[in-house]
Amino acid sequence: MSADDSHQWGRRALEFVDAADRLDAPSLVRRFESHIASAGFNAYIMAGLPSPGAGLADLTLANGWPRGWFELYVGRNYIAVDPVPRHGATTVQPFEWAEARYDRRQDRAAHKVMTDATEFGLVRGYCIPLHYDDGGAVISMAGEAPDLDPTAKSAMQLIGVYAHNRLRALNRPRPQRRLLTSRECEILLWAAHGKTAWEISIILRIAERTVKFHLIEASRKLNAVNRTAAVAKALALGLIKL
């Protein structure tokens, strides 16, 4: 890869990062697809790592696989034997599909997945694993002869991570603002500032037992074990803001 090509990939990646947070989901996906296509990747999927009882359809965030391949993959439950997400669960480093090692003789199911993929033009691939506190995911992209130069792969990693995180944020359930009453939110906000039930009662000019009642109700609605946990959940859901 020439210096000009390297510079171009770096510029493209940074432009994508700069624009990602301002794009809605359809616009983001179109721009993501355009960038990876420039590197020869004509198919991709963003999905959670395999978990007990969850099929690929349940785990998929964005699907750019050929329709026939996706249907075959889901129908044969290939996610249970695919060596690519299996390897992705064990590493934080992006890798080429060929690096997801398996024994062809001992693991014929894994070899079947990789062989069948080539029939849909998914010959060489690149996988970006992501790990979160609540689970993990992979961004897997492929094509017949994609650009697997280190500079191109670095650009794909940056673009992929930002695309996935943006889509994940857009798909996160919106705060349930009607979950708590305005009084419950008000009391939780004061609790978040470190005020005791008695102090809150003085501030709001209501009985201390009333404050405690609202704290208990808010905790129940948020499925929180105590007021501290209730405050944390209310902040996480955007029900209150410091």
C-alpha atoms as a PDB file:
ATOM      1  CA  MET A   1       0.000   0.000   0.000  1.00  0.00           C
ATOM      2  CA  SER A   2       1.340   3.402  -0.979  1.00  0.00           C
ATOM      3  CA  ALA A   3       1.726   6.322   1.405  1.00  0.00           C
ATOM      4  CA  ASP A   4      -1.153   8.067  -0.374  1.00  0.00           C
ATOM      5  CA  ASP A   5      -3.436   5.042   0.108  1.00  0.00           C
ATOM      6  CA  SER A   6      -2.455   4.842   3.773  1.00  0.00           C
ATOM      7  CA  HIS A   7      -3.214   8.524   4.271  1.00  0.00           C
ATOM      8  CA  GLN A   8      -6.552   8.129   2.496  1.00  0.00           C
ATOM      9  CA  TRP A   9      -7.646   5.294   4.778  1.00  0.00           C
ATOM     10  CA  GLY A  10      -6.667   7.274   7.840  1.00  0.00           C
ATOM     11  CA  ARG A  11      -8.652  10.276   6.618  1.00  0.00           C
ATOM     12  CA  ARG A  12     -11.703   8.137   5.809  1.00  0.00           C
ATOM     13  CA  ALA A  13     -11.676   6.528   9.235  1.00  0.00           C
ATOM     14  CA  LEU A  14     -11.391   9.850  11.055  1.00  0.00           C
ATOM     15  CA  GLU A  15     -14.167  11.385   8.950  1.00  0.00           C
ATOM     16  CA  PHE A  16     -16.419   8.459   9.813  1.00  0.00           C
ATOM     17  CA  VAL A  17     -15.651   8.774  13.526  1.00  0.00           C
ATOM     18  CA  ASP A  18     -16.373  12.481  13.412  1.00  0.00           C
ATOM     19  CA  ALA A  19     -19.754  11.945  11.718  1.00  0.00           C
ATOM     20  CA  ALA A  20     -20.932   8.791  13.519  1.00  0.00           C
ATOM     21  CA  ASP A  21     -22.613  10.425  16.521  1.00  0.00           C
ATOM     22  CA  ARG A  22     -24.655  12.717  14.278  1.00  0.00           C
ATOM     23  CA  LEU A  23     -26.059   9.987  12.015  1.00  0.00           C
ATOM     24  CA  ASP A  24     -29.274   8.050  12.389  1.00  0.00           C
ATOM     25  CA  ALA A  25     -29.182   4.273  11.965  1.00  0.00           C
ATOM     26  CA  PRO A  26     -29.966   4.053   8.196  1.00  0.00           C
ATOM     27  CA  SER A  27     -27.451   6.779   7.326  1.00  0.00           C
ATOM     28  CA  LEU A  28     -24.800   5.214   9.548  1.00  0.00           C
ATOM     29  CA  VAL A  29     -25.273   1.771   7.988  1.00  0.00           C
ATOM     30  CA  ARG A  30     -25.080   3.172   4.452  1.00  0.00           C
ATOM     31  CA  ARG A  31     -21.862   5.024   5.207  1.00  0.00           C
ATOM     32  CA  PHE A  32     -20.375   2.008   6.978  1.00  0.00           C
ATOM     33  CA  GLU A  33     -21.215  -0.252   4.038  1.00  0.00           C
ATOM     34  CA  SER A  34     -19.677   2.216   1.606  1.00  0.00           C
ATOM     35  CA  HIS A  35     -16.409   2.348   3.548  1.00  0.00           C
ATOM     36  CA  ILE A  36     -15.966  -1.398   3.946  1.00  0.00           C
ATOM     37  CA  ALA A  37     -16.919  -1.944   0.285  1.00  0.00           C
ATOM     38  CA  SER A  38     -14.021   0.322  -0.661  1.00  0.00           C
ATOM     39  CA  ALA A  39     -11.764  -2.242   1.007  1.00  0.00           C
ATOM     40  CA  GLY A  40     -13.371  -5.140  -0.843  1.00  0.00           C
ATOM     41  CA  PHE A  41     -15.694  -6.314   1.930  1.00  0.00           C
ATOM     42  CA  ASN A  42     -19.110  -6.917   0.352  1.00  0.00           C
ATOM     43  CA  ALA A  43     -20.711  -8.642   3.343  1.00  0.00           C
ATOM     44  CA  TYR A  44     -20.762  -8.156   7.097  1.00  0.00           C
ATOM     45  CA  ILE A  45     -22.639  -8.817  10.294  1.00  0.00           C
ATOM     46  CA  MET A  46     -22.660  -7.187  13.716  1.00  0.00           C
ATOM     47  CA  ALA A  47     -23.901  -9.637  16.306  1.00  0.00           C
ATOM     48  CA  GLY A  48     -23.555 -10.654  19.918  1.00  0.00           C
ATOM     49  CA  LEU A  49     -21.320 -13.537  20.858  1.00  0.00           C
ATOM     50  CA  PRO A  50     -23.039 -16.940  21.091  1.00  0.00           C
ATOM     51  CA  SER A  51     -24.933 -17.476  24.331  1.00  0.00           C
ATOM     52  CA  PRO A  52     -27.093 -20.344  25.619  1.00  0.00           C
ATOM     53  CA  GLY A  53     -30.610 -20.274  24.202  1.00  0.00           C
ATOM     54  CA  ALA A  54     -29.989 -17.344  21.850  1.00  0.00           C
ATOM     55  CA  GLY A  55     -29.956 -17.774  18.080  1.00  0.00           C
ATOM     56  CA  LEU A  56     -28.216 -15.506  15.593  1.00  0.00           C
ATOM     57  CA  ALA A  57     -31.425 -13.661  14.720  1.00  0.00           C
ATOM     58  CA  ASP A  58     -31.786 -12.637  18.382  1.00  0.00           C
ATOM     59  CA  LEU A  59     -28.171 -11.498  18.620  1.00  0.00           C
ATOM     60  CA  THR A  60     -27.932  -9.530  15.359  1.00  0.00           C
ATOM     61  CA  LEU A  61     -27.551  -5.753  15.507  1.00  0.00           C
ATOM     62  CA  ALA A  62     -26.915  -5.151  11.793  1.00  0.00           C
ATOM     63  CA  ASN A  63     -27.006  -7.693   8.993  1.00  0.00           C
ATOM     64  CA  GLY A  64     -25.197  -7.219   5.709  1.00  0.00           C
ATOM     65  CA  TRP A  65     -24.760 -10.889   4.864  1.00  0.00           C
ATOM     66  CA  PRO A  66     -26.144 -12.359   1.626  1.00  0.00           C
ATOM     67  CA  ARG A  67     -29.724 -13.356   2.342  1.00  0.00           C
ATOM     68  CA  GLY A  68     -29.176 -16.968   1.341  1.00  0.00           C
ATOM     69  CA  TRP A  69     -26.156 -17.287   3.606  1.00  0.00           C
ATOM     70  CA  PHE A  70     -27.950 -15.764   6.581  1.00  0.00           C
ATOM     71  CA  GLU A  71     -30.910 -18.119   6.125  1.00  0.00           C
ATOM     72  CA  LEU A  72     -28.615 -21.132   5.787  1.00  0.00           C
ATOM     73  CA  TYR A  73     -26.540 -20.054   8.779  1.00  0.00           C
ATOM     74  CA  VAL A  74     -29.608 -19.604  10.980  1.00  0.00           C
ATOM     75  CA  GLY A  75     -31.374 -22.713   9.668  1.00  0.00           C
ATOM     76  CA  ARG A  76     -28.397 -24.950  10.422  1.00  0.00           C
ATOM     77  CA  ASN A  77     -27.546 -23.156  13.667  1.00  0.00           C
ATOM     78  CA  TYR A  78     -24.016 -22.557  12.457  1.00  0.00           C
ATOM     79  CA  ILE A  79     -23.457 -20.040  15.234  1.00  0.00           C
ATOM     80  CA  ALA A  80     -22.980 -22.990  17.595  1.00  0.00           C
ATOM     81  CA  VAL A  81     -19.994 -24.317  15.614  1.00  0.00           C
ATOM     82  CA  ASP A  82     -18.609 -21.306  13.718  1.00  0.00           C
ATOM     83  CA  PRO A  83     -14.902 -20.949  14.602  1.00  0.00           C
ATOM     84  CA  VAL A  84     -14.894 -17.177  13.977  1.00  0.00           C
ATOM     85  CA  PRO A  85     -17.167 -15.989  16.836  1.00  0.00           C
ATOM     86  CA  ARG A  86     -15.765 -18.808  18.958  1.00  0.00           C
ATOM     87  CA  HIS A  87     -12.291 -17.343  18.566  1.00  0.00           C
ATOM     88  CA  GLY A  88     -13.698 -13.838  19.013  1.00  0.00           C
ATOM     89  CA  ALA A  89     -14.894 -14.797  22.483  1.00  0.00           C
ATOM     90  CA  THR A  90     -11.312 -15.583  23.516  1.00  0.00           C
ATOM     91  CA  THR A  91      -9.488 -12.480  22.300  1.00  0.00           C
ATOM     92  CA  VAL A  92      -9.715  -8.699  22.276  1.00  0.00           C
ATOM     93  CA  GLN A  93      -7.568  -8.399  19.168  1.00  0.00           C
ATOM     94  CA  PRO A  94      -9.051  -8.167  15.642  1.00  0.00           C
ATOM     95  CA  PHE A  95      -8.136 -11.140  13.483  1.00  0.00           C
ATOM     96  CA  GLU A  96      -8.482 -12.543  10.003  1.00  0.00           C
ATOM     97  CA  TRP A  97     -10.835 -15.489   9.635  1.00  0.00           C
ATOM     98  CA  ALA A  98      -7.899 -17.695   8.770  1.00  0.00           C
ATOM     99  CA  GLU A  99      -6.526 -17.088  12.263  1.00  0.00           C
ATOM    100  CA  ALA A 100      -9.565 -18.786  13.842  1.00  0.00           C
ATOM    101  CA  ARG A 101      -7.824 -22.150  13.981  1.00  0.00           C
ATOM    102  CA  TYR A 102      -9.576 -25.495  14.138  1.00  0.00           C
ATOM    103  CA  ASP A 103      -8.749 -29.095  13.288  1.00  0.00           C
ATOM    104  CA  ARG A 104     -10.410 -30.014  10.004  1.00  0.00           C
ATOM    105  CA  ARG A 105     -10.542 -33.694  10.926  1.00  0.00           C
ATOM    106  CA  GLN A 106     -11.662 -33.302  14.511  1.00  0.00           C
ATOM    107  CA  ASP A 107     -13.967 -30.324  13.966  1.00  0.00           C
ATOM    108  CA  ARG A 108     -15.762 -31.096  10.715  1.00  0.00           C
ATOM    109  CA  ALA A 109     -18.732 -28.894  11.656  1.00  0.00           C
ATOM    110  CA  ALA A 110     -16.475 -25.821  11.855  1.00  0.00           C
ATOM    111  CA  HIS A 111     -14.887 -26.692   8.524  1.00  0.00           C
ATOM    112  CA  LYS A 112     -18.347 -27.069   6.989  1.00  0.00           C
ATOM    113  CA  VAL A 113     -19.250 -23.526   8.034  1.00  0.00           C
ATOM    114  CA  MET A 114     -16.143 -22.053   6.460  1.00  0.00           C
ATOM    115  CA  THR A 115     -16.515 -24.108   3.282  1.00  0.00           C
ATOM    116  CA  ASP A 116     -20.171 -23.190   2.829  1.00  0.00           C
ATOM    117  CA  ALA A 117     -19.340 -19.503   3.357  1.00  0.00           C
ATOM    118  CA  THR A 118     -17.094 -19.495   0.286  1.00  0.00           C
ATOM    119  CA  GLU A 119     -20.057 -20.509  -1.869  1.00  0.00           C
ATOM    120  CA  PHE A 120     -21.568 -17.097  -1.085  1.00  0.00           C
ATOM    121  CA  GLY A 121     -18.404 -15.170  -1.898  1.00  0.00           C
ATOM    122  CA  LEU A 122     -17.245 -15.032   1.734  1.00  0.00           C
ATOM    123  CA  VAL A 123     -13.738 -16.264   1.061  1.00  0.00           C
ATOM    124  CA  ARG A 124     -11.571 -14.089   3.274  1.00  0.00           C
ATOM    125  CA  GLY A 125     -12.771 -12.266   6.323  1.00  0.00           C
ATOM    126  CA  TYR A 126     -11.820  -9.942   9.135  1.00  0.00           C
ATOM    127  CA  CYS A 127     -13.364 -10.034  12.592  1.00  0.00           C
ATOM    128  CA  ILE A 128     -13.372  -7.332  15.268  1.00  0.00           C
ATOM    129  CA  PRO A 129     -14.329  -8.626  18.743  1.00  0.00           C
ATOM    130  CA  LEU A 130     -15.891  -6.289  21.285  1.00  0.00           C
ATOM    131  CA  HIS A 131     -16.263  -7.028  24.986  1.00  0.00           C
ATOM    132  CA  TYR A 132     -18.572  -5.182  27.371  1.00  0.00           C
ATOM    133  CA  ASP A 133     -19.455  -5.604  31.025  1.00  0.00           C
ATOM    134  CA  ASP A 134     -22.772  -7.138  30.006  1.00  0.00           C
ATOM    135  CA  GLY A 135     -21.476  -9.366  27.198  1.00  0.00           C
ATOM    136  CA  GLY A 136     -19.623  -9.275  23.923  1.00  0.00           C
ATOM    137  CA  ALA A 137     -20.074  -8.953  20.187  1.00  0.00           C
ATOM    138  CA  VAL A 138     -18.249  -9.324  16.898  1.00  0.00           C
ATOM    139  CA  ILE A 139     -18.148  -7.267  13.743  1.00  0.00           C
ATOM    140  CA  SER A 140     -17.375  -9.777  11.016  1.00  0.00           C
ATOM    141  CA  MET A 141     -16.836  -8.710   7.397  1.00  0.00           C
ATOM    142  CA  ALA A 142     -15.832 -10.666   4.324  1.00  0.00           C
ATOM    143  CA  GLY A 143     -15.385 -10.700   0.579  1.00  0.00           C
ATOM    144  CA  GLU A 144     -13.728 -12.647  -2.187  1.00  0.00           C
ATOM    145  CA  ALA A 145     -10.443 -10.712  -2.127  1.00  0.00           C
ATOM    146  CA  PRO A 146     -10.645  -7.856   0.423  1.00  0.00           C
ATOM    147  CA  ASP A 147      -7.777  -5.526   1.251  1.00  0.00           C
ATOM    148  CA  LEU A 148      -6.140  -7.035   4.321  1.00  0.00           C
ATOM    149  CA  ASP A 149      -3.241  -4.614   4.418  1.00  0.00           C
ATOM    150  CA  PRO A 150      -2.501  -3.592   8.046  1.00  0.00           C
ATOM    151  CA  THR A 151      -3.480   0.035   7.354  1.00  0.00           C
ATOM    152  CA  ALA A 152      -6.806  -0.956   5.807  1.00  0.00           C
ATOM    153  CA  LYS A 153      -7.514  -3.349   8.685  1.00  0.00           C
ATOM    154  CA  SER A 154      -6.781  -0.627  11.241  1.00  0.00           C
ATOM    155  CA  ALA A 155      -9.214   1.680   9.434  1.00  0.00           C
ATOM    156  CA  MET A 156     -11.852  -1.085   9.369  1.00  0.00           C
ATOM    157  CA  GLN A 157     -11.391  -1.608  13.090  1.00  0.00           C
ATOM    158  CA  LEU A 158     -11.904   2.063  13.928  1.00  0.00           C
ATOM    159  CA  ILE A 159     -14.869   2.410  11.566  1.00  0.00           C
ATOM    160  CA  GLY A 160     -16.404  -0.849  12.768  1.00  0.00           C
ATOM    161  CA  VAL A 161     -16.124  -0.080  16.463  1.00  0.00           C
ATOM    162  CA  TYR A 162     -17.674   3.372  16.105  1.00  0.00           C
ATOM    163  CA  ALA A 163     -20.448   2.060  13.855  1.00  0.00           C
ATOM    164  CA  HIS A 164     -21.283  -0.719  16.300  1.00  0.00           C
ATOM    165  CA  ASN A 165     -21.247   1.528  19.353  1.00  0.00           C
ATOM    166  CA  ARG A 166     -23.463   4.097  17.640  1.00  0.00           C
ATOM    167  CA  LEU A 167     -25.980   1.459  16.544  1.00  0.00           C
ATOM    168  CA  ARG A 168     -25.910  -0.053  20.008  1.00  0.00           C
ATOM    169  CA  ALA A 169     -26.682   3.340  21.525  1.00  0.00           C
ATOM    170  CA  LEU A 170     -29.499   3.992  19.035  1.00  0.00           C
ATOM    171  CA  ASN A 171     -31.046   0.609  19.804  1.00  0.00           C
ATOM    172  CA  ARG A 172     -30.879   1.051  23.562  1.00  0.00           C
ATOM    173  CA  PRO A 173     -34.366   1.344  25.070  1.00  0.00           C
ATOM    174  CA  ARG A 174     -35.362   4.938  25.703  1.00  0.00           C
ATOM    175  CA  PRO A 175     -35.739   6.010  29.333  1.00  0.00           C
ATOM    176  CA  GLN A 176     -39.143   5.176  30.739  1.00  0.00           C
ATOM    177  CA  ARG A 177     -39.930   8.610  32.038  1.00  0.00           C
ATOM    178  CA  ARG A 178     -43.372   7.586  33.223  1.00  0.00           C
ATOM    179  CA  LEU A 179     -41.892   4.746  35.255  1.00  0.00           C
ATOM    180  CA  LEU A 180     -41.568   7.007  38.303  1.00  0.00           C
ATOM    181  CA  THR A 181     -43.771   9.842  39.490  1.00  0.00           C
ATOM    182  CA  SER A 182     -42.394  13.380  39.509  1.00  0.00           C
ATOM    183  CA  ARG A 183     -42.246  13.273  43.312  1.00  0.00           C
ATOM    184  CA  GLU A 184     -40.295   9.997  43.285  1.00  0.00           C
ATOM    185  CA  CYS A 185     -37.820  11.470  40.794  1.00  0.00           C
ATOM    186  CA  GLU A 186     -37.503  14.597  42.906  1.00  0.00           C
ATOM    187  CA  ILE A 187     -36.750  12.607  46.049  1.00  0.00           C
ATOM    188  CA  LEU A 188     -34.274  10.339  44.267  1.00  0.00           C
ATOM    189  CA  LEU A 189     -32.500  13.411  42.933  1.00  0.00           C
ATOM    190  CA  TRP A 190     -32.040  14.782  46.435  1.00  0.00           C
ATOM    191  CA  ALA A 191     -30.914  11.332  47.563  1.00  0.00           C
ATOM    192  CA  ALA A 192     -28.377  11.358  44.737  1.00  0.00           C
ATOM    193  CA  HIS A 193     -26.993  14.562  46.262  1.00  0.00           C
ATOM    194  CA  GLY A 194     -26.438  12.705  49.529  1.00  0.00           C
ATOM    195  CA  LYS A 195     -29.443  13.997  51.470  1.00  0.00           C
ATOM    196  CA  THR A 196     -31.010  11.803  54.141  1.00  0.00           C
ATOM    197  CA  ALA A 197     -34.743  11.103  54.300  1.00  0.00           C
ATOM    198  CA  TRP A 198     -35.055  13.606  57.145  1.00  0.00           C
ATOM    199  CA  GLU A 199     -33.142  16.301  55.222  1.00  0.00           C
ATOM    200  CA  ILE A 200     -35.283  15.706  52.147  1.00  0.00           C
ATOM    201  CA  SER A 201     -38.428  16.019  54.243  1.00  0.00           C
ATOM    202  CA  ILE A 202     -37.265  19.432  55.470  1.00  0.00           C
ATOM    203  CA  ILE A 203     -36.365  20.601  51.960  1.00  0.00           C
ATOM    204  CA  LEU A 204     -39.667  19.472  50.440  1.00  0.00           C
ATOM    205  CA  ARG A 205     -41.753  20.288  53.525  1.00  0.00           C
ATOM    206  CA  ILE A 206     -43.284  16.839  53.733  1.00  0.00           C
ATOM    207  CA  ALA A 207     -43.229  14.165  56.426  1.00  0.00           C
ATOM    208  CA  GLU A 208     -40.133  11.993  56.729  1.00  0.00           C
ATOM    209  CA  ARG A 209     -42.310   8.871  56.517  1.00  0.00           C
ATOM    210  CA  THR A 210     -43.640  10.175  53.192  1.00  0.00           C
ATOM    211  CA  VAL A 211     -40.102  10.508  51.861  1.00  0.00           C
ATOM    212  CA  LYS A 212     -39.314   6.968  52.977  1.00  0.00           C
ATOM    213  CA  PHE A 213     -42.499   5.704  51.331  1.00  0.00           C
ATOM    214  CA  HIS A 214     -41.532   7.280  48.007  1.00  0.00           C
ATOM    215  CA  LEU A 215     -38.014   5.866  48.255  1.00  0.00           C
ATOM    216  CA  ILE A 216     -39.416   2.390  48.837  1.00  0.00           C
ATOM    217  CA  GLU A 217     -41.841   2.753  45.921  1.00  0.00           C
ATOM    218  CA  ALA A 218     -39.138   4.018  43.601  1.00  0.00           C
ATOM    219  CA  SER A 219     -36.869   1.137  44.591  1.00  0.00           C
ATOM    220  CA  ARG A 220     -39.664  -1.350  43.954  1.00  0.00           C
ATOM    221  CA  LYS A 221     -40.455   0.075  40.512  1.00  0.00           C
ATOM    222  CA  LEU A 222     -36.779   0.044  39.551  1.00  0.00           C
ATOM    223  CA  ASN A 223     -36.248  -3.436  40.980  1.00  0.00           C
ATOM    224  CA  ALA A 224     -33.499  -2.020  43.190  1.00  0.00           C
ATOM    225  CA  VAL A 225     -32.438  -3.565  46.496  1.00  0.00           C
ATOM    226  CA  ASN A 226     -31.984  -0.218  48.275  1.00  0.00           C
ATOM    227  CA  ARG A 227     -32.052   3.550  47.771  1.00  0.00           C
ATOM    228  CA  THR A 228     -28.440   3.622  46.578  1.00  0.00           C
ATOM    229  CA  ALA A 229     -29.207   1.104  43.860  1.00  0.00           C
ATOM    230  CA  ALA A 230     -32.407   2.982  43.001  1.00  0.00           C
ATOM    231  CA  VAL A 231     -30.453   6.213  42.546  1.00  0.00           C
ATOM    232  CA  ALA A 232     -27.909   4.439  40.339  1.00  0.00           C
ATOM    233  CA  LYS A 233     -30.612   2.911  38.137  1.00  0.00           C
ATOM    234  CA  ALA A 234     -32.521   6.179  37.864  1.00  0.00           C
ATOM    235  CA  LEU A 235     -29.342   7.925  36.731  1.00  0.00           C
ATOM    236  CA  ALA A 236     -28.522   5.173  34.236  1.00  0.00           C
ATOM    237  CA  LEU A 237     -32.027   5.355  32.747  1.00  0.00           C
ATOM    238  CA  GLY A 238     -31.918   9.117  32.513  1.00  0.00           C
ATOM    239  CA  LEU A 239     -34.831   9.497  34.917  1.00  0.00           C
ATOM    240  CA  ILE A 240     -32.828  11.945  36.985  1.00  0.00           C
ATOM    241  CA  LYS A 241     -29.745  14.025  36.158  1.00  0.00           C
ATOM    242  CA  LEU A 242     -27.178  15.487  38.512  1.00  0.00           C
END
